[in-house]
Amino acid sequence: MDQQHSEHGQGHGTLKQYVIGFALSIILTIIPLIIVLNDLLEGAAAIVVLIGMGALQFIVQLIFFMHLREEKKPRYNLMTLIFGLIILVTIVGGSMWILLYNGVMHH
């Protein structure tokens, strides 16, 4: 019974991991907020930075809060995540394609 308890405990992060993840999440949220509110970047540069910060935020969430790196075989969570990402990219990419090429987002 003691062995099962210790195996179950491995899926949880330490307080230090949660604090680091939380701090990184806050920083990766504040940077784009400052950029947008102060008009530091415009156009494509702003979009690239915002998407980059969003992607980094996503990675931080996976590593520090969802413990994806600690998963043992088989990697069902990873496979589900990849499938979800494919669907997300398809929906967002398709929506952007439609908006861009139907004149909705043209200036």
PDB file of N, CA and C in Angstrom:
ATOM      1  N   MET A   1       0.825  -1.194   0.000  1.00  0.00           N
ATOM      2  CA  MET A   1       0.000   0.000   0.000  1.00  0.00           C
ATOM      3  C   MET A   1       0.865   1.253   0.000  1.00  0.00           C
ATOM      4  N   ASP A   2       1.977   1.203   0.692  1.00  0.00           N
ATOM      5  CA  ASP A   2       2.860   2.354   0.738  1.00  0.00           C
ATOM      6  C   ASP A   2       3.442   2.656  -0.650  1.00  0.00           C
ATOM      7  N   GLN A   3       3.725   1.607  -1.422  1.00  0.00           N
ATOM      8  CA  GLN A   3       4.281   1.793  -2.751  1.00  0.00           C
ATOM      9  C   GLN A   3       3.256   2.472  -3.669  1.00  0.00           C
ATOM     10  N   GLN A   4       1.988   2.105  -3.569  1.00  0.00           N
ATOM     11  CA  GLN A   4       0.958   2.732  -4.381  1.00  0.00           C
ATOM     12  C   GLN A   4       0.835   4.206  -4.039  1.00  0.00           C
ATOM     13  N   HIS A   5       0.937   4.522  -2.761  1.00  0.00           N
ATOM     14  CA  HIS A   5       0.823   5.915  -2.341  1.00  0.00           C
ATOM     15  C   HIS A   5       1.958   6.745  -2.931  1.00  0.00           C
ATOM     16  N   SER A   6       3.183   6.230  -2.916  1.00  0.00           N
ATOM     17  CA  SER A   6       4.308   6.991  -3.432  1.00  0.00           C
ATOM     18  C   SER A   6       4.212   7.132  -4.955  1.00  0.00           C
ATOM     19  N   GLU A   7       3.689   6.115  -5.649  1.00  0.00           N
ATOM     20  CA  GLU A   7       3.521   6.227  -7.092  1.00  0.00           C
ATOM     21  C   GLU A   7       2.463   7.279  -7.420  1.00  0.00           C
ATOM     22  N   HIS A   8       1.407   7.333  -6.621  1.00  0.00           N
ATOM     23  CA  HIS A   8       0.345   8.315  -6.851  1.00  0.00           C
ATOM     24  C   HIS A   8       0.876   9.720  -6.627  1.00  0.00           C
ATOM     25  N   GLY A   9       1.749   9.907  -5.678  1.00  0.00           N
ATOM     26  CA  GLY A   9       2.283  11.220  -5.341  1.00  0.00           C
ATOM     27  C   GLY A   9       3.206  11.776  -6.406  1.00  0.00           C
ATOM     28  N   GLN A  10       3.721  10.932  -7.300  1.00  0.00           N
ATOM     29  CA  GLN A  10       4.647  11.406  -8.317  1.00  0.00           C
ATOM     30  C   GLN A  10       3.959  12.301  -9.349  1.00  0.00           C
ATOM     31  N   GLY A  11       2.670  12.187  -9.509  1.00  0.00           N
ATOM     32  CA  GLY A  11       1.959  12.976 -10.502  1.00  0.00           C
ATOM     33  C   GLY A  11       1.743  14.413 -10.084  1.00  0.00           C
ATOM     34  N   HIS A  12       2.016  14.740  -8.839  1.00  0.00           N
ATOM     35  CA  HIS A  12       1.791  16.087  -8.341  1.00  0.00           C
ATOM     36  C   HIS A  12       3.103  16.852  -8.300  1.00  0.00           C
ATOM     37  N   GLY A  13       3.023  18.142  -8.620  1.00  0.00           N
ATOM     38  CA  GLY A  13       4.216  18.966  -8.591  1.00  0.00           C
ATOM     39  C   GLY A  13       4.495  19.472  -7.189  1.00  0.00           C
ATOM     40  N   THR A  14       5.691  19.977  -7.019  1.00  0.00           N
ATOM     41  CA  THR A  14       6.058  20.560  -5.736  1.00  0.00           C
ATOM     42  C   THR A  14       5.573  22.007  -5.710  1.00  0.00           C
ATOM     43  N   LEU A  15       5.565  22.580  -4.539  1.00  0.00           N
ATOM     44  CA  LEU A  15       5.162  23.973  -4.387  1.00  0.00           C
ATOM     45  C   LEU A  15       6.078  24.871  -5.223  1.00  0.00           C
ATOM     46  N   LYS A  16       7.368  24.549  -5.244  1.00  0.00           N
ATOM     47  CA  LYS A  16       8.325  25.327  -6.029  1.00  0.00           C
ATOM     48  C   LYS A  16       7.953  25.308  -7.517  1.00  0.00           C
ATOM     49  N   GLN A  17       7.576  24.138  -8.044  1.00  0.00           N
ATOM     50  CA  GLN A  17       7.189  24.037  -9.451  1.00  0.00           C
ATOM     51  C   GLN A  17       5.946  24.878  -9.738  1.00  0.00           C
ATOM     52  N   TYR A  18       4.978  24.834  -8.833  1.00  0.00           N
ATOM     53  CA  TYR A  18       3.762  25.612  -9.029  1.00  0.00           C
ATOM     54  C   TYR A  18       4.039  27.112  -8.972  1.00  0.00           C
ATOM     55  N   VAL A  19       4.902  27.535  -8.065  1.00  0.00           N
ATOM     56  CA  VAL A  19       5.238  28.964  -7.942  1.00  0.00           C
ATOM     57  C   VAL A  19       5.979  29.434  -9.194  1.00  0.00           C
ATOM     58  N   ILE A  20       6.928  28.633  -9.676  1.00  0.00           N
ATOM     59  CA  ILE A  20       7.664  28.986 -10.898  1.00  0.00           C
ATOM     60  C   ILE A  20       6.694  29.067 -12.079  1.00  0.00           C
ATOM     61  N   GLY A  21       5.828  28.083 -12.213  1.00  0.00           N
ATOM     62  CA  GLY A  21       4.843  28.077 -13.295  1.00  0.00           C
ATOM     63  C   GLY A  21       3.917  29.273 -13.218  1.00  0.00           C
ATOM     64  N   PHE A  22       3.467  29.599 -12.011  1.00  0.00           N
ATOM     65  CA  PHE A  22       2.576  30.739 -11.820  1.00  0.00           C
ATOM     66  C   PHE A  22       3.282  32.044 -12.186  1.00  0.00           C
ATOM     67  N   ALA A  23       4.528  32.199 -11.721  1.00  0.00           N
ATOM     68  CA  ALA A  23       5.294  33.414 -12.016  1.00  0.00           C
ATOM     69  C   ALA A  23       5.514  33.559 -13.522  1.00  0.00           C
ATOM     70  N   LEU A  24       5.879  32.477 -14.187  1.00  0.00           N
ATOM     71  CA  LEU A  24       6.082  32.533 -15.633  1.00  0.00           C
ATOM     72  C   LEU A  24       4.779  32.879 -16.355  1.00  0.00           C
ATOM     73  N   SER A  25       3.678  32.318 -15.885  1.00  0.00           N
ATOM     74  CA  SER A  25       2.374  32.616 -16.495  1.00  0.00           C
ATOM     75  C   SER A  25       2.034  34.094 -16.359  1.00  0.00           C
ATOM     76  N   ILE A  26       2.284  34.652 -15.183  1.00  0.00           N
ATOM     77  CA  ILE A  26       2.017  36.078 -14.955  1.00  0.00           C
ATOM     78  C   ILE A  26       2.886  36.937 -15.872  1.00  0.00           C
ATOM     79  N   ILE A  27       4.168  36.610 -15.955  1.00  0.00           N
ATOM     80  CA  ILE A  27       5.094  37.379 -16.803  1.00  0.00           C
ATOM     81  C   ILE A  27       4.669  37.296 -18.260  1.00  0.00           C
ATOM     82  N   LEU A  28       4.303  36.080 -18.710  1.00  0.00           N
ATOM     83  CA  LEU A  28       3.917  35.899 -20.107  1.00  0.00           C
ATOM     84  C   LEU A  28       2.549  36.496 -20.415  1.00  0.00           C
ATOM     85  N   THR A  29       1.819  36.882 -19.404  1.00  0.00           N
ATOM     86  CA  THR A  29       0.559  37.595 -19.597  1.00  0.00           C
ATOM     87  C   THR A  29       0.797  39.104 -19.578  1.00  0.00           C
ATOM     88  N   ILE A  30       1.692  39.560 -18.717  1.00  0.00           N
ATOM     89  CA  ILE A  30       1.956  40.995 -18.574  1.00  0.00           C
ATOM     90  C   ILE A  30       2.687  41.560 -19.802  1.00  0.00           C
ATOM     91  N   ILE A  31       3.626  40.809 -20.368  1.00  0.00           N
ATOM     92  CA  ILE A  31       4.402  41.309 -21.511  1.00  0.00           C
ATOM     93  C   ILE A  31       3.497  41.714 -22.676  1.00  0.00           C
ATOM     94  N   PRO A  32       2.605  40.825 -23.161  1.00  0.00           N
ATOM     95  CA  PRO A  32       1.740  41.252 -24.268  1.00  0.00           C
ATOM     96  C   PRO A  32       0.788  42.381 -23.873  1.00  0.00           C
ATOM     97  N   LEU A  33       0.346  42.382 -22.623  1.00  0.00           N
ATOM     98  CA  LEU A  33      -0.548  43.436 -22.147  1.00  0.00           C
ATOM     99  C   LEU A  33       0.142  44.798 -22.234  1.00  0.00           C
ATOM    100  N   ILE A  34       1.380  44.874 -21.781  1.00  0.00           N
ATOM    101  CA  ILE A  34       2.147  46.120 -21.850  1.00  0.00           C
ATOM    102  C   ILE A  34       2.361  46.539 -23.299  1.00  0.00           C
ATOM    103  N   ILE A  35       2.703  45.566 -24.148  1.00  0.00           N
ATOM    104  CA  ILE A  35       2.949  45.872 -25.565  1.00  0.00           C
ATOM    105  C   ILE A  35       1.705  46.457 -26.224  1.00  0.00           C
ATOM    106  N   VAL A  36       0.545  45.849 -25.954  1.00  0.00           N
ATOM    107  CA  VAL A  36      -0.696  46.311 -26.582  1.00  0.00           C
ATOM    108  C   VAL A  36      -1.171  47.634 -25.993  1.00  0.00           C
ATOM    109  N   LEU A  37      -1.167  47.757 -24.679  1.00  0.00           N
ATOM    110  CA  LEU A  37      -1.684  48.978 -24.049  1.00  0.00           C
ATOM    111  C   LEU A  37      -0.827  50.210 -24.335  1.00  0.00           C
ATOM    112  N   ASN A  38       0.477  50.017 -24.524  1.00  0.00           N
ATOM    113  CA  ASN A  38       1.378  51.147 -24.770  1.00  0.00           C
ATOM    114  C   ASN A  38       1.717  51.331 -26.243  1.00  0.00           C
ATOM    115  N   ASP A  39       1.064  50.565 -27.122  1.00  0.00           N
ATOM    116  CA  ASP A  39       1.319  50.641 -28.568  1.00  0.00           C
ATOM    117  C   ASP A  39       2.805  50.543 -28.894  1.00  0.00           C
ATOM    118  N   LEU A  40       3.504  49.611 -28.243  1.00  0.00           N
ATOM    119  CA  LEU A  40       4.941  49.448 -28.482  1.00  0.00           C
ATOM    120  C   LEU A  40       5.215  48.789 -29.830  1.00  0.00           C
ATOM    121  N   LEU A  41       4.339  47.899 -30.239  1.00  0.00           N
ATOM    122  CA  LEU A  41       4.468  47.238 -31.535  1.00  0.00           C
ATOM    123  C   LEU A  41       3.127  47.321 -32.248  1.00  0.00           C
ATOM    124  N   GLU A  42       3.184  47.313 -33.567  1.00  0.00           N
ATOM    125  CA  GLU A  42       1.947  47.351 -34.344  1.00  0.00           C
ATOM    126  C   GLU A  42       2.025  46.330 -35.467  1.00  0.00           C
ATOM    127  N   GLY A  43       0.884  45.981 -36.000  1.00  0.00           N
ATOM    128  CA  GLY A  43       0.803  45.126 -37.174  1.00  0.00           C
ATOM    129  C   GLY A  43       1.351  43.728 -36.946  1.00  0.00           C
ATOM    130  N   ALA A  44       2.126  43.276 -37.936  1.00  0.00           N
ATOM    131  CA  ALA A  44       2.635  41.902 -37.926  1.00  0.00           C
ATOM    132  C   ALA A  44       3.558  41.641 -36.729  1.00  0.00           C
ATOM    133  N   ALA A  45       4.361  42.631 -36.350  1.00  0.00           N
ATOM    134  CA  ALA A  45       5.276  42.449 -35.219  1.00  0.00           C
ATOM    135  C   ALA A  45       4.491  42.177 -33.932  1.00  0.00           C
ATOM    136  N   ALA A  46       3.420  42.922 -33.723  1.00  0.00           N
ATOM    137  CA  ALA A  46       2.596  42.724 -32.530  1.00  0.00           C
ATOM    138  C   ALA A  46       1.939  41.345 -32.555  1.00  0.00           C
ATOM    139  N   ILE A  47       1.456  40.947 -33.710  1.00  0.00           N
ATOM    140  CA  ILE A  47       0.811  39.634 -33.828  1.00  0.00           C
ATOM    141  C   ILE A  47       1.801  38.514 -33.533  1.00  0.00           C
ATOM    142  N   VAL A  48       3.011  38.622 -34.064  1.00  0.00           N
ATOM    143  CA  VAL A  48       4.032  37.596 -33.837  1.00  0.00           C
ATOM    144  C   VAL A  48       4.368  37.500 -32.346  1.00  0.00           C
ATOM    145  N   VAL A  49       4.545  38.637 -31.695  1.00  0.00           N
ATOM    146  CA  VAL A  49       4.864  38.637 -30.264  1.00  0.00           C
ATOM    147  C   VAL A  49       3.715  38.041 -29.453  1.00  0.00           C
ATOM    148  N   LEU A  50       2.482  38.440 -29.773  1.00  0.00           N
ATOM    149  CA  LEU A  50       1.322  37.928 -29.036  1.00  0.00           C
ATOM    150  C   LEU A  50       1.168  36.419 -29.219  1.00  0.00           C
ATOM    151  N   ILE A  51       1.326  35.942 -30.427  1.00  0.00           N
ATOM    152  CA  ILE A  51       1.222  34.495 -30.673  1.00  0.00           C
ATOM    153  C   ILE A  51       2.367  33.767 -29.981  1.00  0.00           C
ATOM    154  N   GLY A  52       3.560  34.339 -30.035  1.00  0.00           N
ATOM    155  CA  GLY A  52       4.713  33.724 -29.373  1.00  0.00           C
ATOM    156  C   GLY A  52       4.521  33.621 -27.862  1.00  0.00           C
ATOM    157  N   MET A  53       4.034  34.700 -27.261  1.00  0.00           N
ATOM    158  CA  MET A  53       3.779  34.681 -25.814  1.00  0.00           C
ATOM    159  C   MET A  53       2.681  33.672 -25.462  1.00  0.00           C
ATOM    160  N   GLY A  54       1.670  33.587 -26.321  1.00  0.00           N
ATOM    161  CA  GLY A  54       0.607  32.601 -26.104  1.00  0.00           C
ATOM    162  C   GLY A  54       1.135  31.180 -26.175  1.00  0.00           C
ATOM    163  N   ALA A  55       2.010  30.924 -27.138  1.00  0.00           N
ATOM    164  CA  ALA A  55       2.597  29.586 -27.284  1.00  0.00           C
ATOM    165  C   ALA A  55       3.473  29.251 -26.074  1.00  0.00           C
ATOM    166  N   LEU A  56       4.266  30.215 -25.620  1.00  0.00           N
ATOM    167  CA  LEU A  56       5.095  29.994 -24.429  1.00  0.00           C
ATOM    168  C   LEU A  56       4.224  29.741 -23.198  1.00  0.00           C
ATOM    169  N   GLN A  57       3.145  30.501 -23.079  1.00  0.00           N
ATOM    170  CA  GLN A  57       2.215  30.314 -21.970  1.00  0.00           C
ATOM    171  C   GLN A  57       1.635  28.896 -21.987  1.00  0.00           C
ATOM    172  N   PHE A  58       1.307  28.419 -23.181  1.00  0.00           N
ATOM    173  CA  PHE A  58       0.774  27.074 -23.353  1.00  0.00           C
ATOM    174  C   PHE A  58       1.798  26.023 -22.896  1.00  0.00           C
ATOM    175  N   ILE A  59       3.041  26.206 -23.284  1.00  0.00           N
ATOM    176  CA  ILE A  59       4.104  25.268 -22.900  1.00  0.00           C
ATOM    177  C   ILE A  59       4.301  25.283 -21.387  1.00  0.00           C
ATOM    178  N   VAL A  60       4.298  26.473 -20.789  1.00  0.00           N
ATOM    179  CA  VAL A  60       4.440  26.575 -19.332  1.00  0.00           C
ATOM    180  C   VAL A  60       3.312  25.819 -18.634  1.00  0.00           C
ATOM    181  N   GLN A  61       2.077  25.990 -19.126  1.00  0.00           N
ATOM    182  CA  GLN A  61       0.934  25.298 -18.522  1.00  0.00           C
ATOM    183  C   GLN A  61       1.117  23.789 -18.605  1.00  0.00           C
ATOM    184  N   LEU A  62       1.555  23.300 -19.756  1.00  0.00           N
ATOM    185  CA  LEU A  62       1.742  21.858 -19.933  1.00  0.00           C
ATOM    186  C   LEU A  62       2.809  21.310 -18.997  1.00  0.00           C
ATOM    187  N   ILE A  63       3.908  22.008 -18.902  1.00  0.00           N
ATOM    188  CA  ILE A  63       5.037  21.493 -18.117  1.00  0.00           C
ATOM    189  C   ILE A  63       4.800  21.629 -16.625  1.00  0.00           C
ATOM    190  N   PHE A  64       4.371  22.806 -16.178  1.00  0.00           N
ATOM    191  CA  PHE A  64       4.307  23.060 -14.742  1.00  0.00           C
ATOM    192  C   PHE A  64       2.988  22.655 -14.091  1.00  0.00           C
ATOM    193  N   PHE A  65       1.891  22.673 -14.847  1.00  0.00           N
ATOM    194  CA  PHE A  65       0.599  22.387 -14.222  1.00  0.00           C
ATOM    195  C   PHE A  65      -0.019  21.073 -14.668  1.00  0.00           C
ATOM    196  N   MET A  66       0.220  20.674 -15.913  1.00  0.00           N
ATOM    197  CA  MET A  66      -0.357  19.416 -16.386  1.00  0.00           C
ATOM    198  C   MET A  66       0.643  18.264 -16.303  1.00  0.00           C
ATOM    199  N   HIS A  67       1.888  18.575 -15.959  1.00  0.00           N
ATOM    200  CA  HIS A  67       2.929  17.565 -15.727  1.00  0.00           C
ATOM    201  C   HIS A  67       3.088  16.624 -16.909  1.00  0.00           C
ATOM    202  N   LEU A  68       3.055  17.165 -18.106  1.00  0.00           N
ATOM    203  CA  LEU A  68       3.133  16.344 -19.301  1.00  0.00           C
ATOM    204  C   LEU A  68       4.464  15.622 -19.403  1.00  0.00           C
ATOM    205  N   ARG A  69       5.530  16.236 -18.932  1.00  0.00           N
ATOM    206  CA  ARG A  69       6.848  15.616 -19.036  1.00  0.00           C
ATOM    207  C   ARG A  69       7.002  14.420 -18.101  1.00  0.00           C
ATOM    208  N   GLU A  70       6.152  14.317 -17.077  1.00  0.00           N
ATOM    209  CA  GLU A  70       6.277  13.242 -16.089  1.00  0.00           C
ATOM    210  C   GLU A  70       5.443  12.020 -16.442  1.00  0.00           C
ATOM    211  N   GLU A  71       4.724  12.089 -17.558  1.00  0.00           N
ATOM    212  CA  GLU A  71       3.808  11.011 -17.916  1.00  0.00           C
ATOM    213  C   GLU A  71       4.571   9.748 -18.297  1.00  0.00           C
ATOM    214  N   LYS A  72       4.073   8.633 -17.821  1.00  0.00           N
ATOM    215  CA  LYS A  72       4.672   7.351 -18.153  1.00  0.00           C
ATOM    216  C   LYS A  72       3.965   6.766 -19.370  1.00  0.00           C
ATOM    217  N   LYS A  73       4.579   5.771 -19.981  1.00  0.00           N
ATOM    218  CA  LYS A  73       3.982   5.126 -21.156  1.00  0.00           C
ATOM    219  C   LYS A  73       2.737   4.379 -20.757  1.00  0.00           C
ATOM    220  N   PRO A  74       1.749   4.210 -21.610  1.00  0.00           N
ATOM    221  CA  PRO A  74       1.599   4.885 -22.903  1.00  0.00           C
ATOM    222  C   PRO A  74       1.188   6.342 -22.720  1.00  0.00           C
ATOM    223  N   ARG A  75       1.533   7.144 -23.646  1.00  0.00           N
ATOM    224  CA  ARG A  75       1.337   8.594 -23.540  1.00  0.00           C
ATOM    225  C   ARG A  75      -0.026   9.021 -24.084  1.00  0.00           C
ATOM    226  N   TYR A  76      -1.078   8.582 -23.437  1.00  0.00           N
ATOM    227  CA  TYR A  76      -2.431   8.924 -23.894  1.00  0.00           C
ATOM    228  C   TYR A  76      -2.690  10.417 -23.794  1.00  0.00           C
ATOM    229  N   ASN A  77      -2.214  11.047 -22.736  1.00  0.00           N
ATOM    230  CA  ASN A  77      -2.427  12.495 -22.591  1.00  0.00           C
ATOM    231  C   ASN A  77      -1.745  13.262 -23.718  1.00  0.00           C
ATOM    232  N   LEU A  78      -0.533  12.831 -24.085  1.00  0.00           N
ATOM    233  CA  LEU A  78       0.196  13.495 -25.161  1.00  0.00           C
ATOM    234  C   LEU A  78      -0.530  13.307 -26.491  1.00  0.00           C
ATOM    235  N   MET A  79      -1.009  12.105 -26.748  1.00  0.00           N
ATOM    236  CA  MET A  79      -1.733  11.848 -28.003  1.00  0.00           C
ATOM    237  C   MET A  79      -3.015  12.669 -28.062  1.00  0.00           C
ATOM    238  N   THR A  80      -3.725  12.740 -26.946  1.00  0.00           N
ATOM    239  CA  THR A  80      -4.947  13.542 -26.890  1.00  0.00           C
ATOM    240  C   THR A  80      -4.622  15.013 -27.097  1.00  0.00           C
ATOM    241  N   LEU A  81      -3.537  15.479 -26.499  1.00  0.00           N
ATOM    242  CA  LEU A  81      -3.118  16.864 -26.656  1.00  0.00           C
ATOM    243  C   LEU A  81      -2.804  17.177 -28.115  1.00  0.00           C
ATOM    244  N   ILE A  82      -2.054  16.309 -28.766  1.00  0.00           N
ATOM    245  CA  ILE A  82      -1.698  16.528 -30.170  1.00  0.00           C
ATOM    246  C   ILE A  82      -2.957  16.583 -31.035  1.00  0.00           C
ATOM    247  N   PHE A  83      -3.889  15.667 -30.794  1.00  0.00           N
ATOM    248  CA  PHE A  83      -5.137  15.662 -31.543  1.00  0.00           C
ATOM    249  C   PHE A  83      -5.907  16.965 -31.315  1.00  0.00           C
ATOM    250  N   GLY A  84      -5.963  17.406 -30.069  1.00  0.00           N
ATOM    251  CA  GLY A  84      -6.634  18.660 -29.744  1.00  0.00           C
ATOM    252  C   GLY A  84      -5.969  19.847 -30.423  1.00  0.00           C
ATOM    253  N   LEU A  85      -4.639  19.837 -30.474  1.00  0.00           N
ATOM    254  CA  LEU A  85      -3.913  20.928 -31.133  1.00  0.00           C
ATOM    255  C   LEU A  85      -4.201  20.963 -32.626  1.00  0.00           C
ATOM    256  N   ILE A  86      -4.287  19.783 -33.238  1.00  0.00           N
ATOM    257  CA  ILE A  86      -4.600  19.721 -34.669  1.00  0.00           C
ATOM    258  C   ILE A  86      -5.976  20.329 -34.922  1.00  0.00           C
ATOM    259  N   ILE A  87      -6.940  19.979 -34.089  1.00  0.00           N
ATOM    260  CA  ILE A  87      -8.288  20.529 -34.239  1.00  0.00           C
ATOM    261  C   ILE A  87      -8.270  22.042 -34.006  1.00  0.00           C
ATOM    262  N   LEU A  88      -7.556  22.492 -32.962  1.00  0.00           N
ATOM    263  CA  LEU A  88      -7.474  23.920 -32.652  1.00  0.00           C
ATOM    264  C   LEU A  88      -6.853  24.704 -33.803  1.00  0.00           C
ATOM    265  N   VAL A  89      -5.726  24.216 -34.313  1.00  0.00           N
ATOM    266  CA  VAL A  89      -5.054  24.905 -35.421  1.00  0.00           C
ATOM    267  C   VAL A  89      -5.950  24.936 -36.652  1.00  0.00           C
ATOM    268  N   THR A  90      -6.661  23.847 -36.906  1.00  0.00           N
ATOM    269  CA  THR A  90      -7.569  23.799 -38.055  1.00  0.00           C
ATOM    270  C   THR A  90      -8.689  24.825 -37.913  1.00  0.00           C
ATOM    271  N   ILE A  91      -9.298  24.882 -36.736  1.00  0.00           N
ATOM    272  CA  ILE A  91     -10.410  25.819 -36.522  1.00  0.00           C
ATOM    273  C   ILE A  91      -9.929  27.267 -36.565  1.00  0.00           C
ATOM    274  N   VAL A  92      -8.865  27.580 -35.827  1.00  0.00           N
ATOM    275  CA  VAL A  92      -8.371  28.959 -35.793  1.00  0.00           C
ATOM    276  C   VAL A  92      -7.808  29.352 -37.151  1.00  0.00           C
ATOM    277  N   GLY A  93      -7.007  28.476 -37.750  1.00  0.00           N
ATOM    278  CA  GLY A  93      -6.435  28.767 -39.069  1.00  0.00           C
ATOM    279  C   GLY A  93      -7.515  28.938 -40.118  1.00  0.00           C
ATOM    280  N   GLY A  94      -8.506  28.060 -40.113  1.00  0.00           N
ATOM    281  CA  GLY A  94      -9.609  28.173 -41.061  1.00  0.00           C
ATOM    282  C   GLY A  94     -10.404  29.443 -40.856  1.00  0.00           C
ATOM    283  N   SER A  95     -10.635  29.807 -39.608  1.00  0.00           N
ATOM    284  CA  SER A  95     -11.373  31.042 -39.312  1.00  0.00           C
ATOM    285  C   SER A  95     -10.604  32.265 -39.793  1.00  0.00           C
ATOM    286  N   MET A  96      -9.306  32.280 -39.539  1.00  0.00           N
ATOM    287  CA  MET A  96      -8.479  33.406 -39.990  1.00  0.00           C
ATOM    288  C   MET A  96      -8.451  33.470 -41.510  1.00  0.00           C
ATOM    289  N   TRP A  97      -8.353  32.321 -42.165  1.00  0.00           N
ATOM    290  CA  TRP A  97      -8.349  32.253 -43.625  1.00  0.00           C
ATOM    291  C   TRP A  97      -9.636  32.875 -44.175  1.00  0.00           C
ATOM    292  N   ILE A  98     -10.771  32.457 -43.602  1.00  0.00           N
ATOM    293  CA  ILE A  98     -12.064  32.967 -44.054  1.00  0.00           C
ATOM    294  C   ILE A  98     -12.153  34.471 -43.832  1.00  0.00           C
ATOM    295  N   LEU A  99     -11.725  34.934 -42.653  1.00  0.00           N
ATOM    296  CA  LEU A  99     -11.795  36.368 -42.363  1.00  0.00           C
ATOM    297  C   LEU A  99     -10.880  37.185 -43.281  1.00  0.00           C
ATOM    298  N   LEU A 100      -9.685  36.681 -43.527  1.00  0.00           N
ATOM    299  CA  LEU A 100      -8.739  37.414 -44.348  1.00  0.00           C
ATOM    300  C   LEU A 100      -9.152  37.480 -45.814  1.00  0.00           C
ATOM    301  N   TYR A 101      -9.665  36.375 -46.339  1.00  0.00           N
ATOM    302  CA  TYR A 101      -9.940  36.311 -47.768  1.00  0.00           C
ATOM    303  C   TYR A 101     -11.377  36.632 -48.140  1.00  0.00           C
ATOM    304  N   ASN A 102     -12.205  37.010 -47.192  1.00  0.00           N
ATOM    305  CA  ASN A 102     -13.541  37.471 -47.497  1.00  0.00           C
ATOM    306  C   ASN A 102     -13.708  38.957 -47.190  1.00  0.00           C
ATOM    307  N   GLY A 103     -12.578  39.630 -46.993  1.00  0.00           N
ATOM    308  CA  GLY A 103     -12.608  41.073 -46.831  1.00  0.00           C
ATOM    309  C   GLY A 103     -12.987  41.570 -45.449  1.00  0.00           C
ATOM    310  N   VAL A 104     -13.195  40.680 -44.504  1.00  0.00           N
ATOM    311  CA  VAL A 104     -13.605  41.134 -43.176  1.00  0.00           C
ATOM    312  C   VAL A 104     -12.482  41.864 -42.461  1.00  0.00           C
ATOM    313  N   MET A 105     -11.252  41.386 -42.618  1.00  0.00           N
ATOM    314  CA  MET A 105     -10.138  41.978 -41.874  1.00  0.00           C
ATOM    315  C   MET A 105      -9.288  42.912 -42.738  1.00  0.00           C
ATOM    316  N   HIS A 106      -9.691  43.220 -43.960  1.00  0.00           N
ATOM    317  CA  HIS A 106      -8.933  44.143 -44.807  1.00  0.00           C
ATOM    318  C   HIS A 106      -9.145  45.566 -44.329  1.00  0.00           C
ATOM    319  N   HIS A 107      -8.093  46.365 -44.448  1.00  0.00           N
ATOM    320  CA  HIS A 107      -8.195  47.764 -44.004  1.00  0.00           C
ATOM    321  C   HIS A 107      -8.708  48.631 -45.102  1.00  0.00           C
TER     322      HIS A 107
END
